[in-house]
Amino acid sequence: LGDVHDVIAQGAKNREGTFDAILLDVDNGPDGFVQK
């Protein structure tokens, strides 16, 4: 329960990477319609 941005930022601290796939459907697209 939190912002996926923070989860990604935490995963980025792993020098070898953390995820095999990141699927983003947090808005109606990259224009930040729901949350600026």
PDB file of all heavy atoms in Angstrom:
ATOM      1  N   LEU A   1       0.861  -1.175   0.000  1.00  0.00           N
ATOM      2  CA  LEU A   1       0.000   0.000   0.000  1.00  0.00           C
ATOM      3  C   LEU A   1       0.899   1.227   0.000  1.00  0.00           C
ATOM      4  O   LEU A   1       1.464   1.615   1.027  1.00  0.00           O
ATOM      5  CB  LEU A   1      -0.918  -0.011   1.221  1.00  0.00           C
ATOM      6  CG  LEU A   1      -2.005   1.061   1.258  1.00  0.00           C
ATOM      7  CD1 LEU A   1      -2.908   0.971   0.040  1.00  0.00           C
ATOM      8  CD2 LEU A   1      -2.819   0.932   2.544  1.00  0.00           C
ATOM      9  N   GLY A   2       1.086   1.797  -1.167  1.00  0.00           N
ATOM     10  CA  GLY A   2       1.977   2.935  -1.309  1.00  0.00           C
ATOM     11  C   GLY A   2       2.188   3.270  -2.765  1.00  0.00           C
ATOM     12  O   GLY A   2       1.574   2.673  -3.660  1.00  0.00           O
ATOM     13  N   ASP A   3       3.070   4.211  -3.013  1.00  0.00           N
ATOM     14  CA  ASP A   3       3.323   4.725  -4.354  1.00  0.00           C
ATOM     15  C   ASP A   3       4.272   3.793  -5.100  1.00  0.00           C
ATOM     16  O   ASP A   3       5.355   3.479  -4.602  1.00  0.00           O
ATOM     17  CB  ASP A   3       3.941   6.122  -4.246  1.00  0.00           C
ATOM     18  CG  ASP A   3       3.888   6.885  -5.551  1.00  0.00           C
ATOM     19  OD1 ASP A   3       4.020   6.253  -6.613  1.00  0.00           O
ATOM     20  OD2 ASP A   3       3.734   8.117  -5.501  1.00  0.00           O
ATOM     21  N   VAL A   4       3.872   3.365  -6.291  1.00  0.00           N
ATOM     22  CA  VAL A   4       4.728   2.478  -7.073  1.00  0.00           C
ATOM     23  C   VAL A   4       6.051   3.166  -7.404  1.00  0.00           C
ATOM     24  O   VAL A   4       7.083   2.504  -7.575  1.00  0.00           O
ATOM     25  CB  VAL A   4       4.000   2.009  -8.352  1.00  0.00           C
ATOM     26  CG1 VAL A   4       3.783   3.161  -9.326  1.00  0.00           C
ATOM     27  CG2 VAL A   4       4.770   0.877  -9.031  1.00  0.00           C
ATOM     28  N   HIS A   5       6.052   4.485  -7.489  1.00  0.00           N
ATOM     29  CA  HIS A   5       7.297   5.220  -7.714  1.00  0.00           C
ATOM     30  C   HIS A   5       8.321   4.881  -6.635  1.00  0.00           C
ATOM     31  O   HIS A   5       9.512   4.680  -6.922  1.00  0.00           O
ATOM     32  CB  HIS A   5       7.030   6.723  -7.724  1.00  0.00           C
ATOM     33  CG  HIS A   5       8.272   7.563  -7.756  1.00  0.00           C
ATOM     34  ND1 HIS A   5       8.949   7.923  -6.609  1.00  0.00           N
ATOM     35  CD2 HIS A   5       8.964   8.106  -8.784  1.00  0.00           C
ATOM     36  CE1 HIS A   5      10.005   8.648  -6.924  1.00  0.00           C
ATOM     37  NE2 HIS A   5      10.028   8.773  -8.240  1.00  0.00           N
ATOM     38  N   ASP A   6       7.874   4.806  -5.381  1.00  0.00           N
ATOM     39  CA  ASP A   6       8.782   4.507  -4.278  1.00  0.00           C
ATOM     40  C   ASP A   6       9.275   3.065  -4.339  1.00  0.00           C
ATOM     41  O   ASP A   6      10.428   2.779  -4.000  1.00  0.00           O
ATOM     42  CB  ASP A   6       8.087   4.773  -2.946  1.00  0.00           C
ATOM     43  CG  ASP A   6       7.687   6.233  -2.783  1.00  0.00           C
ATOM     44  OD1 ASP A   6       8.341   7.102  -3.398  1.00  0.00           O
ATOM     45  OD2 ASP A   6       6.716   6.503  -2.042  1.00  0.00           O
ATOM     46  N   VAL A   7       8.414   2.150  -4.770  1.00  0.00           N
ATOM     47  CA  VAL A   7       8.823   0.752  -4.911  1.00  0.00           C
ATOM     48  C   VAL A   7       9.880   0.619  -6.003  1.00  0.00           C
ATOM     49  O   VAL A   7      10.871  -0.099  -5.859  1.00  0.00           O
ATOM     50  CB  VAL A   7       7.607  -0.142  -5.211  1.00  0.00           C
ATOM     51  CG1 VAL A   7       8.029  -1.597  -5.371  1.00  0.00           C
ATOM     52  CG2 VAL A   7       6.562  -0.016  -4.103  1.00  0.00           C
ATOM     53  N   ILE A   8       9.682   1.334  -7.107  1.00  0.00           N
ATOM     54  CA  ILE A   8      10.666   1.315  -8.196  1.00  0.00           C
ATOM     55  C   ILE A   8      11.984   1.909  -7.727  1.00  0.00           C
ATOM     56  O   ILE A   8      13.071   1.360  -7.994  1.00  0.00           O
ATOM     57  CB  ILE A   8      10.118   2.073  -9.423  1.00  0.00           C
ATOM     58  CG1 ILE A   8       8.951   1.301 -10.039  1.00  0.00           C
ATOM     59  CG2 ILE A   8      11.220   2.294 -10.458  1.00  0.00           C
ATOM     60  CD1 ILE A   8       8.235   2.051 -11.143  1.00  0.00           C
ATOM     61  N   ALA A   9      11.913   3.030  -7.009  1.00  0.00           N
ATOM     62  CA  ALA A   9      13.133   3.677  -6.523  1.00  0.00           C
ATOM     63  C   ALA A   9      13.913   2.758  -5.596  1.00  0.00           C
ATOM     64  O   ALA A   9      15.148   2.710  -5.649  1.00  0.00           O
ATOM     65  CB  ALA A   9      12.773   4.985  -5.811  1.00  0.00           C
ATOM     66  N   GLN A  10      13.199   2.030  -4.764  1.00  0.00           N
ATOM     67  CA  GLN A  10      13.868   1.076  -3.883  1.00  0.00           C
ATOM     68  C   GLN A  10      14.509  -0.044  -4.692  1.00  0.00           C
ATOM     69  O   GLN A  10      15.640  -0.461  -4.430  1.00  0.00           O
ATOM     70  CB  GLN A  10      12.861   0.504  -2.873  1.00  0.00           C
ATOM     71  CG  GLN A  10      13.479  -0.423  -1.834  1.00  0.00           C
ATOM     72  CD  GLN A  10      14.468   0.268  -0.929  1.00  0.00           C
ATOM     73  OE1 GLN A  10      14.282   1.443  -0.585  1.00  0.00           O
ATOM     74  NE2 GLN A  10      15.509  -0.450  -0.526  1.00  0.00           N
ATOM     75  N   GLY A  11      13.793  -0.532  -5.697  1.00  0.00           N
ATOM     76  CA  GLY A  11      14.336  -1.598  -6.539  1.00  0.00           C
ATOM     77  C   GLY A  11      15.538  -1.162  -7.337  1.00  0.00           C
ATOM     78  O   GLY A  11      16.409  -1.976  -7.675  1.00  0.00           O
ATOM     79  N   ALA A  12      15.611   0.137  -7.645  1.00  0.00           N
ATOM     80  CA  ALA A  12      16.731   0.661  -8.431  1.00  0.00           C
ATOM     81  C   ALA A  12      18.031   0.653  -7.643  1.00  0.00           C
ATOM     82  O   ALA A  12      19.118   0.784  -8.232  1.00  0.00           O
ATOM     83  CB  ALA A  12      16.414   2.070  -8.912  1.00  0.00           C
ATOM     84  N   LYS A  13      17.951   0.502  -6.325  1.00  0.00           N
ATOM     85  CA  LYS A  13      19.161   0.488  -5.507  1.00  0.00           C
ATOM     86  C   LYS A  13      19.955  -0.806  -5.658  1.00  0.00           C
ATOM     87  O   LYS A  13      21.133  -0.859  -5.301  1.00  0.00           O
ATOM     88  CB  LYS A  13      18.791   0.719  -4.037  1.00  0.00           C
ATOM     89  CG  LYS A  13      18.192   2.089  -3.767  1.00  0.00           C
ATOM     90  CD  LYS A  13      17.828   2.248  -2.297  1.00  0.00           C
ATOM     91  CE  LYS A  13      17.232   3.628  -2.027  1.00  0.00           C
ATOM     92  NZ  LYS A  13      16.861   3.798  -0.592  1.00  0.00           N
ATOM     93  N   ASN A  14      19.309  -1.832  -6.173  1.00  0.00           N
ATOM     94  CA  ASN A  14      19.995  -3.102  -6.427  1.00  0.00           C
ATOM     95  C   ASN A  14      20.801  -2.985  -7.716  1.00  0.00           C
ATOM     96  O   ASN A  14      20.238  -2.769  -8.786  1.00  0.00           O
ATOM     97  CB  ASN A  14      18.964  -4.231  -6.542  1.00  0.00           C
ATOM     98  CG  ASN A  14      19.599  -5.595  -6.707  1.00  0.00           C
ATOM     99  OD1 ASN A  14      20.801  -5.725  -6.974  1.00  0.00           O
ATOM    100  ND2 ASN A  14      18.785  -6.634  -6.563  1.00  0.00           N
ATOM    101  N   ARG A  15      22.100  -3.108  -7.645  1.00  0.00           N
ATOM    102  CA  ARG A  15      22.960  -2.890  -8.810  1.00  0.00           C
ATOM    103  C   ARG A  15      22.651  -3.864  -9.940  1.00  0.00           C
ATOM    104  O   ARG A  15      22.905  -3.571 -11.105  1.00  0.00           O
ATOM    105  CB  ARG A  15      24.433  -3.012  -8.407  1.00  0.00           C
ATOM    106  CG  ARG A  15      24.904  -1.915  -7.470  1.00  0.00           C
ATOM    107  CD  ARG A  15      26.364  -2.078  -7.126  1.00  0.00           C
ATOM    108  NE  ARG A  15      27.207  -2.038  -8.313  1.00  0.00           N
ATOM    109  CZ  ARG A  15      28.527  -2.252  -8.292  1.00  0.00           C
ATOM    110  NH1 ARG A  15      29.133  -2.518  -7.135  1.00  0.00           N
ATOM    111  NH2 ARG A  15      29.224  -2.193  -9.400  1.00  0.00           N
ATOM    112  N   GLU A  16      22.100  -5.024  -9.615  1.00  0.00           N
ATOM    113  CA  GLU A  16      21.784  -6.021 -10.634  1.00  0.00           C
ATOM    114  C   GLU A  16      20.327  -5.944 -11.073  1.00  0.00           C
ATOM    115  O   GLU A  16      19.876  -6.746 -11.884  1.00  0.00           O
ATOM    116  CB  GLU A  16      22.099  -7.427 -10.107  1.00  0.00           C
ATOM    117  CG  GLU A  16      23.580  -7.636  -9.800  1.00  0.00           C
ATOM    118  CD  GLU A  16      23.868  -9.026  -9.277  1.00  0.00           C
ATOM    119  OE1 GLU A  16      22.889  -9.784  -9.050  1.00  0.00           O
ATOM    120  OE2 GLU A  16      25.046  -9.353  -9.085  1.00  0.00           O
ATOM    121  N   GLY A  17      19.595  -4.982 -10.545  1.00  0.00           N
ATOM    122  CA  GLY A  17      18.178  -4.884 -10.851  1.00  0.00           C
ATOM    123  C   GLY A  17      17.360  -5.788  -9.952  1.00  0.00           C
ATOM    124  O   GLY A  17      17.865  -6.756  -9.397  1.00  0.00           O
ATOM    125  N   THR A  18      16.081  -5.464  -9.831  1.00  0.00           N
ATOM    126  CA  THR A  18      15.197  -6.198  -8.923  1.00  0.00           C
ATOM    127  C   THR A  18      14.082  -6.936  -9.642  1.00  0.00           C
ATOM    128  O   THR A  18      13.716  -8.048  -9.259  1.00  0.00           O
ATOM    129  CB  THR A  18      14.585  -5.217  -7.903  1.00  0.00           C
ATOM    130  OG1 THR A  18      15.633  -4.588  -7.163  1.00  0.00           O
ATOM    131  CG2 THR A  18      13.641  -5.935  -6.947  1.00  0.00           C
ATOM    132  N   PHE A  19      13.553  -6.337 -10.700  1.00  0.00           N
ATOM    133  CA  PHE A  19      12.367  -6.880 -11.355  1.00  0.00           C
ATOM    134  C   PHE A  19      12.676  -7.339 -12.776  1.00  0.00           C
ATOM    135  O   PHE A  19      13.495  -6.746 -13.471  1.00  0.00           O
ATOM    136  CB  PHE A  19      11.257  -5.820 -11.399  1.00  0.00           C
ATOM    137  CG  PHE A  19      10.874  -5.291 -10.054  1.00  0.00           C
ATOM    138  CD1 PHE A  19      11.255  -4.009  -9.653  1.00  0.00           C
ATOM    139  CD2 PHE A  19      10.141  -6.064  -9.170  1.00  0.00           C
ATOM    140  CE1 PHE A  19      10.913  -3.515  -8.417  1.00  0.00           C
ATOM    141  CE2 PHE A  19       9.792  -5.579  -7.916  1.00  0.00           C
ATOM    142  CZ  PHE A  19      10.182  -4.303  -7.534  1.00  0.00           C
ATOM    143  N   ASP A  20      11.962  -8.392 -13.181  1.00  0.00           N
ATOM    144  CA  ASP A  20      12.015  -8.827 -14.578  1.00  0.00           C
ATOM    145  C   ASP A  20      11.002  -8.082 -15.428  1.00  0.00           C
ATOM    146  O   ASP A  20      11.185  -7.943 -16.639  1.00  0.00           O
ATOM    147  CB  ASP A  20      11.753 -10.338 -14.663  1.00  0.00           C
ATOM    148  CG  ASP A  20      12.840 -11.136 -13.978  1.00  0.00           C
ATOM    149  OD1 ASP A  20      13.949 -11.217 -14.532  1.00  0.00           O
ATOM    150  OD2 ASP A  20      12.591 -11.643 -12.870  1.00  0.00           O
ATOM    151  N   ALA A  21       9.944  -7.617 -14.808  1.00  0.00           N
ATOM    152  CA  ALA A  21       8.923  -6.853 -15.529  1.00  0.00           C
ATOM    153  C   ALA A  21       8.291  -5.843 -14.583  1.00  0.00           C
ATOM    154  O   ALA A  21       8.053  -6.140 -13.403  1.00  0.00           O
ATOM    155  CB  ALA A  21       7.851  -7.772 -16.102  1.00  0.00           C
ATOM    156  N   ILE A  22       8.038  -4.648 -15.093  1.00  0.00           N
ATOM    157  CA  ILE A  22       7.293  -3.612 -14.381  1.00  0.00           C
ATOM    158  C   ILE A  22       6.115  -3.228 -15.268  1.00  0.00           C
ATOM    159  O   ILE A  22       6.306  -2.783 -16.407  1.00  0.00           O
ATOM    160  CB  ILE A  22       8.162  -2.374 -14.091  1.00  0.00           C
ATOM    161  CG1 ILE A  22       9.368  -2.747 -13.216  1.00  0.00           C
ATOM    162  CG2 ILE A  22       7.327  -1.278 -13.425  1.00  0.00           C
ATOM    163  CD1 ILE A  22      10.354  -1.603 -13.024  1.00  0.00           C
ATOM    164  N   LEU A  23       4.908  -3.416 -14.761  1.00  0.00           N
ATOM    165  CA  LEU A  23       3.687  -3.145 -15.524  1.00  0.00           C
ATOM    166  C   LEU A  23       2.991  -1.949 -14.895  1.00  0.00           C
ATOM    167  O   LEU A  23       2.560  -2.015 -13.729  1.00  0.00           O
ATOM    168  CB  LEU A  23       2.756  -4.358 -15.504  1.00  0.00           C
ATOM    169  CG  LEU A  23       3.378  -5.728 -15.811  1.00  0.00           C
ATOM    170  CD1 LEU A  23       2.314  -6.822 -15.725  1.00  0.00           C
ATOM    171  CD2 LEU A  23       4.041  -5.727 -17.165  1.00  0.00           C
ATOM    172  N   LEU A  24       2.875  -0.857 -15.637  1.00  0.00           N
ATOM    173  CA  LEU A  24       2.301   0.367 -15.096  1.00  0.00           C
ATOM    174  C   LEU A  24       0.958   0.677 -15.748  1.00  0.00           C
ATOM    175  O   LEU A  24       0.870   0.886 -16.954  1.00  0.00           O
ATOM    176  CB  LEU A  24       3.251   1.550 -15.317  1.00  0.00           C
ATOM    177  CG  LEU A  24       4.580   1.503 -14.566  1.00  0.00           C
ATOM    178  CD1 LEU A  24       5.379   2.776 -14.835  1.00  0.00           C
ATOM    179  CD2 LEU A  24       4.369   1.321 -13.064  1.00  0.00           C
ATOM    180  N   ASP A  25      -0.066   0.691 -14.913  1.00  0.00           N
ATOM    181  CA  ASP A  25      -1.396   1.148 -15.323  1.00  0.00           C
ATOM    182  C   ASP A  25      -1.949   1.965 -14.168  1.00  0.00           C
ATOM    183  O   ASP A  25      -2.953   1.623 -13.555  1.00  0.00           O
ATOM    184  CB  ASP A  25      -2.300  -0.044 -15.650  1.00  0.00           C
ATOM    185  CG  ASP A  25      -3.685   0.375 -16.113  1.00  0.00           C
ATOM    186  OD1 ASP A  25      -3.864   1.579 -16.376  1.00  0.00           O
ATOM    187  OD2 ASP A  25      -4.574  -0.476 -16.188  1.00  0.00           O
ATOM    188  N   VAL A  26      -1.256   3.051 -13.856  1.00  0.00           N
ATOM    189  CA  VAL A  26      -1.615   3.850 -12.691  1.00  0.00           C
ATOM    190  C   VAL A  26      -2.378   5.110 -13.076  1.00  0.00           C
ATOM    191  O   VAL A  26      -2.735   5.908 -12.227  1.00  0.00           O
ATOM    192  CB  VAL A  26      -0.361   4.237 -11.877  1.00  0.00           C
ATOM    193  CG1 VAL A  26       0.329   2.993 -11.356  1.00  0.00           C
ATOM    194  CG2 VAL A  26       0.614   5.053 -12.720  1.00  0.00           C
ATOM    195  N   ASP A  27      -2.611   5.297 -14.356  1.00  0.00           N
ATOM    196  CA  ASP A  27      -3.261   6.512 -14.819  1.00  0.00           C
ATOM    197  C   ASP A  27      -3.864   6.206 -16.181  1.00  0.00           C
ATOM    198  O   ASP A  27      -3.789   5.077 -16.662  1.00  0.00           O
ATOM    199  CB  ASP A  27      -2.243   7.651 -14.913  1.00  0.00           C
ATOM    200  CG  ASP A  27      -2.856   8.999 -14.561  1.00  0.00           C
ATOM    201  OD1 ASP A  27      -3.955   9.278 -15.058  1.00  0.00           O
ATOM    202  OD2 ASP A  27      -2.241   9.750 -13.789  1.00  0.00           O
ATOM    203  N   ASN A  28      -4.427   7.208 -16.850  1.00  0.00           N
ATOM    204  CA  ASN A  28      -4.922   6.999 -18.207  1.00  0.00           C
ATOM    205  C   ASN A  28      -3.822   7.115 -19.246  1.00  0.00           C
ATOM    206  O   ASN A  28      -4.085   7.121 -20.437  1.00  0.00           O
ATOM    207  CB  ASN A  28      -6.055   7.993 -18.523  1.00  0.00           C
ATOM    208  CG  ASN A  28      -7.419   7.361 -18.275  1.00  0.00           C
ATOM    209  OD1 ASN A  28      -7.529   6.370 -17.569  1.00  0.00           O
ATOM    210  ND2 ASN A  28      -8.444   7.935 -18.865  1.00  0.00           N
ATOM    211  N   GLY A  29      -2.588   7.224 -18.779  1.00  0.00           N
ATOM    212  CA  GLY A  29      -1.442   7.313 -19.679  1.00  0.00           C
ATOM    213  C   GLY A  29      -0.359   8.168 -19.079  1.00  0.00           C
ATOM    214  O   GLY A  29      -0.449   8.616 -17.932  1.00  0.00           O
ATOM    215  N   PRO A  30       0.698   8.434 -19.828  1.00  0.00           N
ATOM    216  CA  PRO A  30       1.845   9.168 -19.295  1.00  0.00           C
ATOM    217  C   PRO A  30       1.594  10.634 -19.005  1.00  0.00           C
ATOM    218  O   PRO A  30       2.493  11.324 -18.518  1.00  0.00           O
ATOM    219  CB  PRO A  30       2.894   9.029 -20.414  1.00  0.00           C
ATOM    220  CG  PRO A  30       2.426   7.924 -21.276  1.00  0.00           C
ATOM    221  CD  PRO A  30       0.941   7.919 -21.173  1.00  0.00           C
ATOM    222  N   ASP A  31       0.400  11.145 -19.285  1.00  0.00           N
ATOM    223  CA  ASP A  31       0.142  12.566 -19.060  1.00  0.00           C
ATOM    224  C   ASP A  31      -0.313  12.880 -17.641  1.00  0.00           C
ATOM    225  O   ASP A  31      -0.586  14.028 -17.312  1.00  0.00           O
ATOM    226  CB  ASP A  31      -0.887  13.099 -20.057  1.00  0.00           C
ATOM    227  CG  ASP A  31      -2.216  12.353 -19.982  1.00  0.00           C
ATOM    228  OD1 ASP A  31      -2.313  11.392 -19.195  1.00  0.00           O
ATOM    229  OD2 ASP A  31      -3.145  12.732 -20.717  1.00  0.00           O
ATOM    230  N   GLY A  32      -0.370  11.861 -16.767  1.00  0.00           N
ATOM    231  CA  GLY A  32      -0.707  12.123 -15.373  1.00  0.00           C
ATOM    232  C   GLY A  32      -2.093  12.703 -15.170  1.00  0.00           C
ATOM    233  O   GLY A  32      -2.279  13.639 -14.399  1.00  0.00           O
ATOM    234  N   PHE A  33      -3.098  12.136 -15.838  1.00  0.00           N
ATOM    235  CA  PHE A  33      -4.464  12.661 -15.745  1.00  0.00           C
ATOM    236  C   PHE A  33      -5.031  12.544 -14.329  1.00  0.00           C
ATOM    237  O   PHE A  33      -5.655  13.464 -13.814  1.00  0.00           O
ATOM    238  CB  PHE A  33      -5.352  11.904 -16.734  1.00  0.00           C
ATOM    239  CG  PHE A  33      -6.830  12.108 -16.538  1.00  0.00           C
ATOM    240  CD1 PHE A  33      -7.423  13.309 -16.873  1.00  0.00           C
ATOM    241  CD2 PHE A  33      -7.623  11.097 -16.012  1.00  0.00           C
ATOM    242  CE1 PHE A  33      -8.789  13.502 -16.689  1.00  0.00           C
ATOM    243  CE2 PHE A  33      -8.980  11.283 -15.825  1.00  0.00           C
ATOM    244  CZ  PHE A  33      -9.565  12.487 -16.163  1.00  0.00           C
ATOM    245  N   VAL A  34      -4.831  11.401 -13.687  1.00  0.00           N
ATOM    246  CA  VAL A  34      -5.425  11.165 -12.379  1.00  0.00           C
ATOM    247  C   VAL A  34      -4.635  11.875 -11.278  1.00  0.00           C
ATOM    248  O   VAL A  34      -5.191  12.561 -10.439  1.00  0.00           O
ATOM    249  CB  VAL A  34      -5.503   9.648 -12.087  1.00  0.00           C
ATOM    250  CG1 VAL A  34      -6.014   9.399 -10.676  1.00  0.00           C
ATOM    251  CG2 VAL A  34      -6.413   8.967 -13.102  1.00  0.00           C
ATOM    252  N   GLN A  35      -3.342  11.684 -11.267  1.00  0.00           N
ATOM    253  CA  GLN A  35      -2.478  12.276 -10.264  1.00  0.00           C
ATOM    254  C   GLN A  35      -1.339  12.978 -10.968  1.00  0.00           C
ATOM    255  O   GLN A  35      -0.530  12.335 -11.654  1.00  0.00           O
ATOM    256  CB  GLN A  35      -1.899  11.191  -9.342  1.00  0.00           C
ATOM    257  CG  GLN A  35      -2.860  10.680  -8.289  1.00  0.00           C
ATOM    258  CD  GLN A  35      -2.842  11.556  -7.063  1.00  0.00           C
ATOM    259  OE1 GLN A  35      -3.753  12.331  -6.831  1.00  0.00           O
ATOM    260  NE2 GLN A  35      -1.811  11.450  -6.265  1.00  0.00           N
ATOM    261  N   LYS A  36      -1.226  14.292 -10.804  1.00  0.00           N
ATOM    262  CA  LYS A  36      -0.133  15.004 -11.447  1.00  0.00           C
ATOM    263  C   LYS A  36       1.227  14.500 -10.963  1.00  0.00           C
ATOM    264  O   LYS A  36       2.214  14.571 -11.687  1.00  0.00           O
ATOM    265  CB  LYS A  36      -0.258  16.510 -11.198  1.00  0.00           C
ATOM    266  CG  LYS A  36      -1.445  17.135 -11.942  1.00  0.00           C
ATOM    267  CD  LYS A  36      -1.361  16.863 -13.433  1.00  0.00           C
ATOM    268  CE  LYS A  36      -2.544  17.461 -14.171  1.00  0.00           C
ATOM    269  NZ  LYS A  36      -2.542  17.109 -15.608  1.00  0.00           N
TER     270      LYS A  36
END
